[in-house]
Amino acid sequence: MKRVLISLCVTSLFSMQAYAQATTPDKKVSTKTATAPVAETTKVKKRSLSRDQLRRCIVADRENKAASEAIAADEAKFAPEFDVVKAEEDALRKKAEALGDEGNANKAEREVLAATAKELSVPVEGKAKLKELKAKRDAFNLKIDAFTKRNEANKEAWKVQDEAQAQLLVRSEATIATKKKLKSRQEDLNLGIDSWTADCENRPYAERDHAAIVKELDQKK
């Protein structure tokens, strides 16, 4: 008795098409029923698989399944890091914008303080005016002290910001490299699936050979 070869998932082990869809959502999968037998009236009848061909197809199918599961596991493993890096990038970008606004405000205030200092440098006469000028200068000096503290705090905050950005850059580059590797592995898997589909899908085979090969491979695990 002969059967047609379909992905092992459909025969209670796993579905080639199912895991292909799970890992490659953009990859088109045939909507034909994988379990449909090859009709006797089909004009172009596919040749039966030899025992060696059947073995290669079973091994390839299992390898594709293992690769798909490994990719899915690594994606789940690295997904939290991807999310954390993105969140930190957003936070640092907002922090940089806030520090930039603060720096611009300090620049504008510095110009105002410079103009005020120039006004307070004009000499005056008379005891009352001198007393008034001294009061203004004292108040101005307090403003200068407060401004200096804010300006220094802004500079220190930029130093912390720059250090955090440098550290995040290293992590960001690592996540980019990981994503590229995962993408490359997925592309290799897609090629493997395409190759299996072209060489093995819906090919008739001897059920006795299939059972013997599966038993042999299972014993080697």
N, C-alpha and C. Protein backbone atom coordinates (compact mmCIF):
# COMPACT_ATOMS: atom_id res chain seq x y z
N MET A 1 0.84 -1.19 0.00
CA MET A 1 0.00 0.00 0.00
C MET A 1 0.88 1.24 0.00
N LYS A 2 0.50 2.21 -0.85
CA LYS A 2 1.29 3.44 -0.92
C LYS A 2 0.49 4.62 -0.40
N ARG A 3 1.22 5.57 0.14
CA ARG A 3 0.63 6.83 0.56
C ARG A 3 1.43 7.96 -0.05
N VAL A 4 0.87 9.18 0.01
CA VAL A 4 1.64 10.32 -0.49
C VAL A 4 2.34 10.96 0.70
N LEU A 5 3.54 11.47 0.45
CA LEU A 5 4.34 12.06 1.52
C LEU A 5 3.87 13.47 1.82
N ILE A 6 3.53 13.70 3.06
CA ILE A 6 3.19 15.04 3.50
C ILE A 6 4.05 15.35 4.71
N SER A 7 4.00 16.59 5.12
CA SER A 7 4.81 16.97 6.27
C SER A 7 4.38 16.16 7.49
N LEU A 8 5.35 15.79 8.32
CA LEU A 8 5.08 14.87 9.41
C LEU A 8 4.05 15.39 10.39
N CYS A 9 3.88 16.69 10.46
CA CYS A 9 2.92 17.25 11.40
C CYS A 9 1.50 16.86 11.05
N VAL A 10 1.21 16.74 9.77
CA VAL A 10 -0.15 16.39 9.35
C VAL A 10 -0.42 14.92 9.64
N THR A 11 0.63 14.12 9.69
CA THR A 11 0.46 12.70 10.00
C THR A 11 0.66 12.45 11.49
N SER A 12 0.29 13.44 12.30
CA SER A 12 0.31 13.37 13.76
C SER A 12 1.64 13.73 14.39
N LEU A 13 2.65 14.04 13.57
CA LEU A 13 3.93 14.46 14.15
C LEU A 13 4.05 15.98 14.11
N PHE A 14 3.98 16.60 12.94
CA PHE A 14 3.97 18.05 12.87
C PHE A 14 3.63 18.49 11.46
N SER A 15 3.25 19.76 11.32
CA SER A 15 2.88 20.30 10.02
C SER A 15 3.93 21.25 9.50
N MET A 16 4.48 20.88 8.36
CA MET A 16 5.47 21.75 7.72
C MET A 16 4.85 23.11 7.47
N GLN A 17 3.62 23.09 6.97
CA GLN A 17 2.97 24.35 6.64
C GLN A 17 2.64 25.12 7.90
N ALA A 18 2.27 24.45 8.97
CA ALA A 18 1.92 25.14 10.21
C ALA A 18 3.11 25.87 10.78
N TYR A 19 4.26 25.18 10.87
CA TYR A 19 5.39 25.88 11.46
C TYR A 19 6.00 26.88 10.50
N ALA A 20 5.81 26.68 9.21
CA ALA A 20 6.27 27.69 8.26
C ALA A 20 5.48 28.96 8.44
N GLN A 21 4.14 28.83 8.65
CA GLN A 21 3.31 30.00 8.88
C GLN A 21 3.65 30.67 10.19
N ALA A 22 3.97 29.89 11.22
CA ALA A 22 4.24 30.44 12.54
C ALA A 22 5.49 31.29 12.55
N THR A 23 6.48 30.90 11.74
CA THR A 23 7.76 31.63 11.77
C THR A 23 7.92 32.56 10.61
N THR A 24 7.17 32.35 9.53
CA THR A 24 7.27 33.24 8.37
C THR A 24 5.87 33.65 7.94
N PRO A 25 5.27 34.63 8.65
CA PRO A 25 3.91 35.03 8.37
C PRO A 25 3.71 35.57 6.97
N ASP A 26 4.75 36.09 6.33
CA ASP A 26 4.60 36.64 5.00
C ASP A 26 4.76 35.59 3.91
N LYS A 27 5.16 34.39 4.28
CA LYS A 27 5.43 33.35 3.29
C LYS A 27 4.12 32.69 2.89
N LYS A 28 3.83 32.65 1.61
CA LYS A 28 2.60 32.05 1.12
C LYS A 28 2.68 30.53 1.22
N VAL A 29 1.61 29.97 1.72
CA VAL A 29 1.55 28.52 1.85
C VAL A 29 0.41 28.01 1.02
N SER A 30 0.61 26.89 0.36
CA SER A 30 -0.41 26.31 -0.49
C SER A 30 -1.66 26.03 0.31
N THR A 31 -2.82 26.36 -0.24
CA THR A 31 -4.08 26.11 0.45
C THR A 31 -4.62 24.74 0.15
N LYS A 32 -3.91 23.96 -0.64
CA LYS A 32 -4.35 22.61 -0.95
C LYS A 32 -4.23 21.72 0.28
N THR A 33 -5.14 20.79 0.43
CA THR A 33 -5.10 19.88 1.56
C THR A 33 -3.92 18.95 1.43
N ALA A 34 -3.04 19.00 2.47
CA ALA A 34 -1.80 18.23 2.39
C ALA A 34 -2.06 16.74 2.41
N THR A 35 -3.19 16.32 2.99
CA THR A 35 -3.44 14.89 3.14
C THR A 35 -4.15 14.28 1.93
N ALA A 36 -4.49 15.14 0.97
CA ALA A 36 -5.22 14.61 -0.18
C ALA A 36 -4.35 13.64 -0.97
N PRO A 37 -4.84 12.44 -1.25
CA PRO A 37 -4.06 11.46 -2.01
C PRO A 37 -3.93 11.88 -3.46
N VAL A 38 -2.94 11.37 -4.11
CA VAL A 38 -2.76 11.64 -5.53
C VAL A 38 -3.81 10.86 -6.30
N ALA A 39 -4.66 11.57 -7.01
CA ALA A 39 -5.74 10.90 -7.73
C ALA A 39 -5.20 10.04 -8.85
N GLU A 40 -5.84 8.93 -9.06
CA GLU A 40 -5.40 8.01 -10.10
C GLU A 40 -5.58 8.62 -11.49
N THR A 41 -6.51 9.59 -11.58
CA THR A 41 -6.80 10.18 -12.89
C THR A 41 -5.95 11.41 -13.17
N THR A 42 -5.04 11.76 -12.23
CA THR A 42 -4.19 12.92 -12.44
C THR A 42 -3.37 12.76 -13.71
N LYS A 43 -3.36 13.81 -14.50
CA LYS A 43 -2.67 13.73 -15.79
C LYS A 43 -1.17 13.51 -15.59
N VAL A 44 -0.57 14.32 -14.68
CA VAL A 44 0.87 14.16 -14.44
C VAL A 44 1.02 13.51 -13.07
N LYS A 45 1.27 12.24 -13.08
CA LYS A 45 1.38 11.50 -11.84
C LYS A 45 2.81 11.57 -11.32
N LYS A 46 2.96 11.94 -10.03
CA LYS A 46 4.29 12.05 -9.45
C LYS A 46 4.86 10.67 -9.19
N ARG A 47 6.15 10.54 -9.46
CA ARG A 47 6.82 9.26 -9.26
C ARG A 47 6.97 8.97 -7.77
N SER A 48 6.90 7.69 -7.44
CA SER A 48 7.06 7.28 -6.05
C SER A 48 8.49 7.55 -5.59
N LEU A 49 8.61 7.84 -4.31
CA LEU A 49 9.94 8.05 -3.73
C LEU A 49 10.63 6.71 -3.51
N SER A 50 11.91 6.68 -3.82
CA SER A 50 12.69 5.49 -3.48
C SER A 50 12.94 5.52 -1.98
N ARG A 51 13.44 4.42 -1.44
CA ARG A 51 13.69 4.37 0.01
C ARG A 51 14.71 5.44 0.42
N ASP A 52 15.76 5.63 -0.38
CA ASP A 52 16.76 6.65 -0.05
C ASP A 52 16.17 8.05 -0.14
N GLN A 53 15.36 8.29 -1.15
CA GLN A 53 14.72 9.59 -1.29
C GLN A 53 13.77 9.85 -0.12
N LEU A 54 13.03 8.82 0.26
CA LEU A 54 12.11 8.95 1.37
C LEU A 54 12.86 9.28 2.66
N ARG A 55 14.00 8.62 2.85
CA ARG A 55 14.80 8.89 4.05
C ARG A 55 15.25 10.36 4.07
N ARG A 56 15.74 10.84 2.92
CA ARG A 56 16.20 12.24 2.86
C ARG A 56 15.05 13.20 3.15
N CYS A 57 13.87 12.87 2.65
CA CYS A 57 12.71 13.74 2.86
C CYS A 57 12.31 13.76 4.33
N ILE A 58 12.31 12.60 4.97
CA ILE A 58 11.95 12.54 6.39
C ILE A 58 12.97 13.29 7.23
N VAL A 59 14.25 13.08 6.94
CA VAL A 59 15.31 13.76 7.69
C VAL A 59 15.21 15.28 7.49
N ALA A 60 15.00 15.70 6.24
CA ALA A 60 14.89 17.14 5.95
C ALA A 60 13.69 17.75 6.68
N ASP A 61 12.59 17.01 6.69
CA ASP A 61 11.39 17.51 7.36
C ASP A 61 11.65 17.69 8.86
N ARG A 62 12.32 16.74 9.45
CA ARG A 62 12.63 16.84 10.88
C ARG A 62 13.62 17.98 11.15
N GLU A 63 14.59 18.13 10.28
CA GLU A 63 15.56 19.21 10.45
C GLU A 63 14.88 20.57 10.33
N ASN A 64 13.95 20.69 9.39
CA ASN A 64 13.21 21.94 9.25
C ASN A 64 12.40 22.24 10.51
N LYS A 65 11.78 21.22 11.05
CA LYS A 65 10.99 21.40 12.26
C LYS A 65 11.88 21.84 13.42
N ALA A 66 13.03 21.17 13.57
CA ALA A 66 13.95 21.53 14.66
C ALA A 66 14.46 22.96 14.50
N ALA A 67 14.77 23.34 13.26
CA ALA A 67 15.25 24.71 13.00
C ALA A 67 14.17 25.73 13.32
N SER A 68 12.93 25.41 12.95
CA SER A 68 11.82 26.32 13.21
C SER A 68 11.61 26.51 14.71
N GLU A 69 11.66 25.41 15.45
CA GLU A 69 11.46 25.50 16.90
C GLU A 69 12.61 26.26 17.57
N ALA A 70 13.84 26.06 17.08
CA ALA A 70 14.99 26.76 17.64
C ALA A 70 14.89 28.26 17.40
N ILE A 71 14.46 28.64 16.19
CA ILE A 71 14.30 30.06 15.87
C ILE A 71 13.23 30.68 16.75
N ALA A 72 12.11 29.98 16.90
CA ALA A 72 11.02 30.49 17.73
C ALA A 72 11.48 30.65 19.18
N ALA A 73 12.27 29.70 19.67
CA ALA A 73 12.76 29.77 21.05
C ALA A 73 13.70 30.95 21.23
N ASP A 74 14.59 31.18 20.27
CA ASP A 74 15.53 32.29 20.38
C ASP A 74 14.81 33.64 20.25
N GLU A 75 13.79 33.68 19.39
CA GLU A 75 13.02 34.91 19.26
C GLU A 75 12.34 35.24 20.59
N ALA A 76 11.78 34.22 21.23
CA ALA A 76 11.13 34.43 22.53
C ALA A 76 12.15 34.83 23.60
N LYS A 77 13.35 34.26 23.49
CA LYS A 77 14.41 34.55 24.46
C LYS A 77 14.90 35.99 24.35
N PHE A 78 15.08 36.46 23.12
CA PHE A 78 15.66 37.79 22.93
C PHE A 78 14.61 38.91 22.86
N ALA A 79 13.34 38.55 22.70
CA ALA A 79 12.29 39.57 22.58
C ALA A 79 12.28 40.56 23.75
N PRO A 80 12.41 40.09 25.01
CA PRO A 80 12.41 41.05 26.12
C PRO A 80 13.55 42.07 26.02
N GLU A 81 14.74 41.62 25.62
CA GLU A 81 15.87 42.53 25.47
C GLU A 81 15.60 43.55 24.38
N PHE A 82 15.00 43.10 23.26
CA PHE A 82 14.66 44.03 22.19
C PHE A 82 13.73 45.12 22.72
N ASP A 83 12.72 44.72 23.51
CA ASP A 83 11.74 45.67 24.03
C ASP A 83 12.40 46.64 25.02
N VAL A 84 13.29 46.12 25.87
CA VAL A 84 13.96 46.96 26.86
C VAL A 84 14.84 47.99 26.17
N VAL A 85 15.60 47.56 25.18
CA VAL A 85 16.49 48.48 24.45
C VAL A 85 15.68 49.58 23.77
N LYS A 86 14.58 49.21 23.14
CA LYS A 86 13.74 50.20 22.47
C LYS A 86 13.17 51.20 23.48
N ALA A 87 12.71 50.69 24.62
CA ALA A 87 12.15 51.58 25.65
C ALA A 87 13.21 52.54 26.17
N GLU A 88 14.44 52.03 26.38
CA GLU A 88 15.52 52.89 26.88
C GLU A 88 15.93 53.91 25.82
N GLU A 89 15.91 53.52 24.56
CA GLU A 89 16.21 54.47 23.49
C GLU A 89 15.20 55.61 23.48
N ASP A 90 13.92 55.27 23.63
CA ASP A 90 12.88 56.30 23.67
C ASP A 90 13.06 57.21 24.87
N ALA A 91 13.38 56.61 26.04
CA ALA A 91 13.56 57.40 27.26
C ALA A 91 14.75 58.36 27.13
N LEU A 92 15.85 57.86 26.57
CA LEU A 92 17.04 58.71 26.42
C LEU A 92 16.80 59.82 25.40
N ARG A 93 16.04 59.51 24.38
CA ARG A 93 15.73 60.55 23.39
C ARG A 93 14.91 61.67 24.01
N LYS A 94 13.92 61.30 24.82
CA LYS A 94 13.10 62.32 25.50
C LYS A 94 13.94 63.11 26.50
N LYS A 95 14.85 62.41 27.20
CA LYS A 95 15.72 63.09 28.16
C LYS A 95 16.64 64.08 27.45
N ALA A 96 17.16 63.68 26.31
CA ALA A 96 18.03 64.57 25.54
C ALA A 96 17.27 65.81 25.07
N GLU A 97 16.02 65.61 24.67
CA GLU A 97 15.21 66.75 24.24
C GLU A 97 14.97 67.72 25.40
N ALA A 98 14.71 67.14 26.59
CA ALA A 98 14.48 67.98 27.77
C ALA A 98 15.75 68.75 28.16
N LEU A 99 16.88 68.07 28.13
CA LEU A 99 18.15 68.74 28.45
C LEU A 99 18.47 69.82 27.43
N GLY A 100 18.14 69.56 26.18
CA GLY A 100 18.36 70.56 25.14
C GLY A 100 17.52 71.80 25.37
N ASP A 101 16.25 71.58 25.74
CA ASP A 101 15.37 72.73 26.02
C ASP A 101 15.88 73.51 27.23
N GLU A 102 16.35 72.77 28.23
CA GLU A 102 16.89 73.42 29.43
C GLU A 102 18.14 74.23 29.10
N GLY A 103 18.98 73.67 28.24
CA GLY A 103 20.19 74.38 27.83
C GLY A 103 19.86 75.64 27.06
N ASN A 104 18.85 75.58 26.19
CA ASN A 104 18.44 76.77 25.44
C ASN A 104 17.89 77.85 26.37
N ALA A 105 17.14 77.39 27.39
CA ALA A 105 16.61 78.36 28.36
C ALA A 105 17.74 79.02 29.14
N ASN A 106 18.75 78.24 29.49
CA ASN A 106 19.92 78.80 30.20
C ASN A 106 20.65 79.81 29.33
N LYS A 107 20.73 79.52 28.05
CA LYS A 107 21.41 80.45 27.14
C LYS A 107 20.67 81.78 27.08
N ALA A 108 19.34 81.68 26.99
CA ALA A 108 18.55 82.91 26.94
C ALA A 108 18.67 83.69 28.25
N GLU A 109 18.66 82.97 29.38
CA GLU A 109 18.78 83.63 30.68
C GLU A 109 20.16 84.27 30.83
N ARG A 110 21.18 83.61 30.30
CA ARG A 110 22.53 84.17 30.39
C ARG A 110 22.59 85.53 29.69
N GLU A 111 21.91 85.65 28.56
CA GLU A 111 21.90 86.92 27.83
C GLU A 111 21.19 88.01 28.63
N VAL A 112 20.09 87.60 29.31
CA VAL A 112 19.37 88.57 30.15
C VAL A 112 20.25 89.00 31.32
N LEU A 113 20.92 88.05 31.95
CA LEU A 113 21.79 88.37 33.08
C LEU A 113 22.95 89.26 32.66
N ALA A 114 23.46 89.01 31.46
CA ALA A 114 24.56 89.84 30.97
C ALA A 114 24.11 91.28 30.78
N ALA A 115 22.89 91.45 30.26
CA ALA A 115 22.36 92.80 30.06
C ALA A 115 22.11 93.49 31.41
N THR A 116 21.61 92.71 32.38
CA THR A 116 21.36 93.27 33.71
C THR A 116 22.67 93.67 34.38
N ALA A 117 23.69 92.85 34.24
CA ALA A 117 24.99 93.15 34.84
C ALA A 117 25.55 94.45 34.27
N LYS A 118 25.31 94.66 32.98
CA LYS A 118 25.79 95.88 32.34
C LYS A 118 25.06 97.09 32.92
N GLU A 119 23.77 96.95 33.17
CA GLU A 119 22.99 98.06 33.73
C GLU A 119 23.46 98.37 35.15
N LEU A 120 23.72 97.31 35.91
CA LEU A 120 24.11 97.50 37.32
C LEU A 120 25.56 97.98 37.46
N SER A 121 26.28 97.99 36.36
CA SER A 121 27.67 98.46 36.42
C SER A 121 27.78 99.97 36.27
N VAL A 122 26.66 100.61 35.92
CA VAL A 122 26.66 102.07 35.76
C VAL A 122 26.73 102.72 37.14
N PRO A 123 27.71 103.59 37.38
CA PRO A 123 27.84 104.23 38.71
C PRO A 123 26.71 105.22 38.99
N VAL A 124 26.36 105.36 40.23
CA VAL A 124 25.31 106.32 40.64
C VAL A 124 25.85 107.19 41.77
N GLU A 125 25.16 108.30 42.03
CA GLU A 125 25.57 109.21 43.09
C GLU A 125 24.43 109.37 44.09
N GLY A 126 24.81 109.67 45.29
CA GLY A 126 23.82 109.86 46.33
C GLY A 126 23.67 108.62 47.19
N LYS A 127 23.51 108.86 48.45
CA LYS A 127 23.44 107.74 49.40
C LYS A 127 22.26 106.82 49.13
N ALA A 128 21.13 107.40 48.83
CA ALA A 128 19.92 106.60 48.60
C ALA A 128 20.07 105.73 47.35
N LYS A 129 20.60 106.36 46.29
CA LYS A 129 20.76 105.60 45.05
C LYS A 129 21.82 104.51 45.20
N LEU A 130 22.86 104.78 45.97
CA LEU A 130 23.90 103.77 46.20
C LEU A 130 23.33 102.58 46.98
N LYS A 131 22.48 102.90 47.95
CA LYS A 131 21.85 101.84 48.73
C LYS A 131 20.93 100.99 47.85
N GLU A 132 20.20 101.68 46.99
CA GLU A 132 19.30 100.98 46.07
C GLU A 132 20.09 100.10 45.10
N LEU A 133 21.20 100.65 44.61
CA LEU A 133 22.03 99.89 43.67
C LEU A 133 22.61 98.65 44.34
N LYS A 134 23.05 98.82 45.60
CA LYS A 134 23.62 97.69 46.34
C LYS A 134 22.58 96.59 46.51
N ALA A 135 21.34 96.97 46.81
CA ALA A 135 20.28 95.98 46.99
C ALA A 135 20.03 95.23 45.68
N LYS A 136 20.02 95.99 44.59
CA LYS A 136 19.82 95.36 43.28
C LYS A 136 20.96 94.40 42.94
N ARG A 137 22.19 94.82 43.26
CA ARG A 137 23.34 93.97 42.97
C ARG A 137 23.33 92.70 43.82
N ASP A 138 22.91 92.85 45.08
CA ASP A 138 22.82 91.67 45.95
C ASP A 138 21.79 90.67 45.41
N ALA A 139 20.65 91.20 45.01
CA ALA A 139 19.61 90.33 44.44
C ALA A 139 20.10 89.69 43.13
N PHE A 140 20.82 90.52 42.38
CA PHE A 140 21.35 90.00 41.10
C PHE A 140 22.36 88.87 41.35
N ASN A 141 23.20 89.03 42.36
CA ASN A 141 24.19 88.00 42.66
C ASN A 141 23.53 86.67 43.05
N LEU A 142 22.39 86.79 43.74
CA LEU A 142 21.64 85.58 44.09
C LEU A 142 21.14 84.89 42.82
N LYS A 143 20.69 85.68 41.87
CA LYS A 143 20.23 85.12 40.60
C LYS A 143 21.39 84.45 39.85
N ILE A 144 22.56 85.10 39.92
CA ILE A 144 23.74 84.53 39.27
C ILE A 144 24.09 83.18 39.89
N ASP A 145 24.05 83.12 41.23
CA ASP A 145 24.36 81.86 41.91
C ASP A 145 23.38 80.76 41.51
N ALA A 146 22.10 81.09 41.48
CA ALA A 146 21.08 80.11 41.11
C ALA A 146 21.26 79.66 39.66
N PHE A 147 21.56 80.63 38.80
CA PHE A 147 21.77 80.30 37.38
C PHE A 147 22.98 79.39 37.21
N THR A 148 24.05 79.71 37.94
CA THR A 148 25.27 78.91 37.83
C THR A 148 25.02 77.46 38.23
N LYS A 149 24.26 77.27 39.31
CA LYS A 149 23.94 75.92 39.77
C LYS A 149 23.12 75.17 38.72
N ARG A 150 22.12 75.85 38.15
CA ARG A 150 21.30 75.20 37.11
C ARG A 150 22.12 74.85 35.88
N ASN A 151 23.00 75.77 35.52
CA ASN A 151 23.81 75.54 34.32
C ASN A 151 24.79 74.39 34.52
N GLU A 152 25.40 74.32 35.72
CA GLU A 152 26.33 73.22 36.02
C GLU A 152 25.58 71.90 36.10
N ALA A 153 24.38 71.94 36.66
CA ALA A 153 23.57 70.72 36.74
C ALA A 153 23.22 70.21 35.34
N ASN A 154 22.97 71.14 34.44
CA ASN A 154 22.67 70.76 33.06
C ASN A 154 23.88 70.10 32.40
N LYS A 155 25.06 70.66 32.66
CA LYS A 155 26.28 70.09 32.09
C LYS A 155 26.53 68.68 32.63
N GLU A 156 26.33 68.50 33.94
CA GLU A 156 26.54 67.18 34.55
C GLU A 156 25.51 66.18 34.02
N ALA A 157 24.29 66.65 33.83
CA ALA A 157 23.24 65.78 33.30
C ALA A 157 23.59 65.31 31.88
N TRP A 158 24.20 66.19 31.10
CA TRP A 158 24.63 65.81 29.75
C TRP A 158 25.73 64.76 29.80
N LYS A 159 26.60 64.86 30.78
CA LYS A 159 27.67 63.86 30.91
C LYS A 159 27.06 62.48 31.20
N VAL A 160 26.10 62.47 32.12
CA VAL A 160 25.40 61.21 32.44
C VAL A 160 24.66 60.70 31.21
N GLN A 161 24.03 61.61 30.51
CA GLN A 161 23.28 61.26 29.30
C GLN A 161 24.20 60.64 28.24
N ASP A 162 25.33 61.27 28.02
CA ASP A 162 26.28 60.77 27.02
C ASP A 162 26.79 59.38 27.38
N GLU A 163 27.05 59.16 28.66
CA GLU A 163 27.53 57.86 29.11
C GLU A 163 26.45 56.79 28.93
N ALA A 164 25.22 57.15 29.28
CA ALA A 164 24.11 56.20 29.12
C ALA A 164 23.89 55.87 27.65
N GLN A 165 24.00 56.87 26.79
CA GLN A 165 23.82 56.64 25.35
C GLN A 165 24.92 55.74 24.79
N ALA A 166 26.13 55.94 25.28
CA ALA A 166 27.25 55.10 24.81
C ALA A 166 27.04 53.64 25.22
N GLN A 167 26.58 53.43 26.45
CA GLN A 167 26.33 52.07 26.92
C GLN A 167 25.17 51.43 26.17
N LEU A 168 24.12 52.24 25.92
CA LEU A 168 22.97 51.70 25.20
C LEU A 168 23.32 51.38 23.75
N LEU A 169 24.22 52.16 23.17
CA LEU A 169 24.63 51.93 21.80
C LEU A 169 25.22 50.53 21.64
N VAL A 170 26.01 50.11 22.62
CA VAL A 170 26.60 48.78 22.58
C VAL A 170 25.50 47.71 22.59
N ARG A 171 24.52 47.88 23.49
CA ARG A 171 23.42 46.93 23.57
C ARG A 171 22.56 46.97 22.30
N SER A 172 22.36 48.16 21.78
CA SER A 172 21.54 48.31 20.57
C SER A 172 22.19 47.60 19.39
N GLU A 173 23.52 47.77 19.25
CA GLU A 173 24.23 47.11 18.16
C GLU A 173 24.18 45.59 18.32
N ALA A 174 24.21 45.13 19.58
CA ALA A 174 24.12 43.69 19.84
C ALA A 174 22.75 43.15 19.43
N THR A 175 21.69 43.89 19.72
CA THR A 175 20.35 43.44 19.35
C THR A 175 20.17 43.45 17.83
N ILE A 176 20.77 44.43 17.18
CA ILE A 176 20.69 44.48 15.71
C ILE A 176 21.39 43.27 15.10
N ALA A 177 22.56 42.93 15.66
CA ALA A 177 23.30 41.76 15.16
C ALA A 177 22.49 40.49 15.40
N THR A 178 21.83 40.38 16.56
CA THR A 178 21.02 39.20 16.86
C THR A 178 19.85 39.10 15.89
N LYS A 179 19.20 40.22 15.61
CA LYS A 179 18.07 40.21 14.68
C LYS A 179 18.52 39.79 13.29
N LYS A 180 19.70 40.24 12.88
CA LYS A 180 20.22 39.86 11.56
C LYS A 180 20.48 38.36 11.49
N LYS A 181 21.02 37.80 12.58
CA LYS A 181 21.29 36.37 12.62
C LYS A 181 19.99 35.57 12.56
N LEU A 182 18.98 36.03 13.32
CA LEU A 182 17.68 35.35 13.30
C LEU A 182 17.05 35.42 11.91
N LYS A 183 17.18 36.57 11.28
CA LYS A 183 16.64 36.72 9.93
C LYS A 183 17.34 35.79 8.96
N SER A 184 18.67 35.69 9.07
CA SER A 184 19.44 34.80 8.19
C SER A 184 19.03 33.35 8.40
N ARG A 185 18.85 32.96 9.67
CA ARG A 185 18.43 31.59 9.96
C ARG A 185 17.04 31.32 9.40
N GLN A 186 16.15 32.32 9.50
CA GLN A 186 14.81 32.16 8.96
C GLN A 186 14.84 32.01 7.45
N GLU A 187 15.70 32.77 6.79
CA GLU A 187 15.82 32.67 5.33
C GLU A 187 16.34 31.30 4.93
N ASP A 188 17.31 30.78 5.69
CA ASP A 188 17.82 29.43 5.42
C ASP A 188 16.71 28.40 5.61
N LEU A 189 15.90 28.59 6.64
CA LEU A 189 14.78 27.67 6.89
C LEU A 189 13.78 27.72 5.74
N ASN A 190 13.51 28.93 5.26
CA ASN A 190 12.57 29.07 4.14
C ASN A 190 13.07 28.30 2.91
N LEU A 191 14.38 28.38 2.68
CA LEU A 191 14.96 27.64 1.56
C LEU A 191 14.79 26.14 1.78
N GLY A 192 15.00 25.70 3.02
CA GLY A 192 14.83 24.29 3.33
C GLY A 192 13.40 23.83 3.13
N ILE A 193 12.45 24.67 3.53
CA ILE A 193 11.04 24.34 3.34
C ILE A 193 10.69 24.28 1.86
N ASP A 194 11.19 25.25 1.09
CA ASP A 194 10.94 25.26 -0.35
C ASP A 194 11.52 24.02 -1.02
N SER A 195 12.73 23.65 -0.59
CA SER A 195 13.37 22.46 -1.16
C SER A 195 12.57 21.21 -0.82
N TRP A 196 12.12 21.08 0.42
CA TRP A 196 11.33 19.92 0.82
C TRP A 196 10.02 19.87 0.04
N THR A 197 9.39 21.03 -0.12
CA THR A 197 8.12 21.09 -0.85
C THR A 197 8.30 20.63 -2.29
N ALA A 198 9.40 21.09 -2.91
CA ALA A 198 9.64 20.74 -4.32
C ALA A 198 9.99 19.27 -4.49
N ASP A 199 10.76 18.72 -3.57
CA ASP A 199 11.27 17.35 -3.73
C ASP A 199 10.39 16.28 -3.08
N CYS A 200 9.61 16.66 -2.07
CA CYS A 200 8.97 15.64 -1.26
C CYS A 200 7.45 15.74 -1.14
N GLU A 201 6.92 16.93 -1.15
CA GLU A 201 5.50 17.09 -0.85
C GLU A 201 4.61 16.32 -1.82
N ASN A 202 3.67 15.57 -1.23
CA ASN A 202 2.68 14.81 -2.00
C ASN A 202 3.27 13.74 -2.92
N ARG A 203 4.49 13.33 -2.63
CA ARG A 203 5.09 12.25 -3.41
C ARG A 203 4.66 10.91 -2.82
N PRO A 204 4.24 9.99 -3.64
CA PRO A 204 3.85 8.66 -3.14
C PRO A 204 5.06 7.94 -2.56
N TYR A 205 4.82 7.08 -1.57
CA TYR A 205 5.90 6.31 -0.97
C TYR A 205 5.33 5.01 -0.40
N ALA A 206 6.22 4.07 -0.16
CA ALA A 206 5.80 2.80 0.42
C ALA A 206 5.65 2.97 1.92
N GLU A 207 4.47 2.66 2.42
CA GLU A 207 4.20 2.83 3.85
C GLU A 207 5.15 1.99 4.70
N ARG A 208 5.50 0.81 4.21
CA ARG A 208 6.41 -0.06 4.97
C ARG A 208 7.78 0.58 5.10
N ASP A 209 8.26 1.19 4.01
CA ASP A 209 9.56 1.88 4.07
C ASP A 209 9.51 3.05 5.05
N HIS A 210 8.41 3.78 5.01
CA HIS A 210 8.26 4.94 5.88
C HIS A 210 8.32 4.52 7.34
N ALA A 211 7.57 3.50 7.71
CA ALA A 211 7.54 3.03 9.09
C ALA A 211 8.93 2.57 9.55
N ALA A 212 9.63 1.86 8.66
CA ALA A 212 10.95 1.34 9.01
C ALA A 212 11.96 2.48 9.21
N ILE A 213 11.89 3.49 8.35
CA ILE A 213 12.83 4.62 8.45
C ILE A 213 12.56 5.43 9.71
N VAL A 214 11.28 5.69 9.99
CA VAL A 214 10.92 6.45 11.19
C VAL A 214 11.39 5.72 12.44
N LYS A 215 11.18 4.40 12.47
CA LYS A 215 11.61 3.61 13.62
C LYS A 215 13.12 3.67 13.79
N GLU A 216 13.83 3.56 12.68
CA GLU A 216 15.30 3.61 12.72
C GLU A 216 15.80 4.96 13.23
N LEU A 217 15.20 6.05 12.72
CA LEU A 217 15.62 7.39 13.12
C LEU A 217 15.28 7.67 14.59
N ASP A 218 14.15 7.19 15.02
CA ASP A 218 13.74 7.39 16.42
C ASP A 218 14.69 6.66 17.37
N GLN A 219 15.17 5.52 16.95
CA GLN A 219 16.07 4.75 17.80
C GLN A 219 17.42 5.43 17.96
N LYS A 220 17.79 6.29 17.01
CA LYS A 220 19.07 7.00 17.04
C LYS A 220 19.04 8.25 17.89
N LYS A 221 17.85 8.63 18.35
CA LYS A 221 17.73 9.87 19.14
C LYS A 221 18.42 9.72 20.49
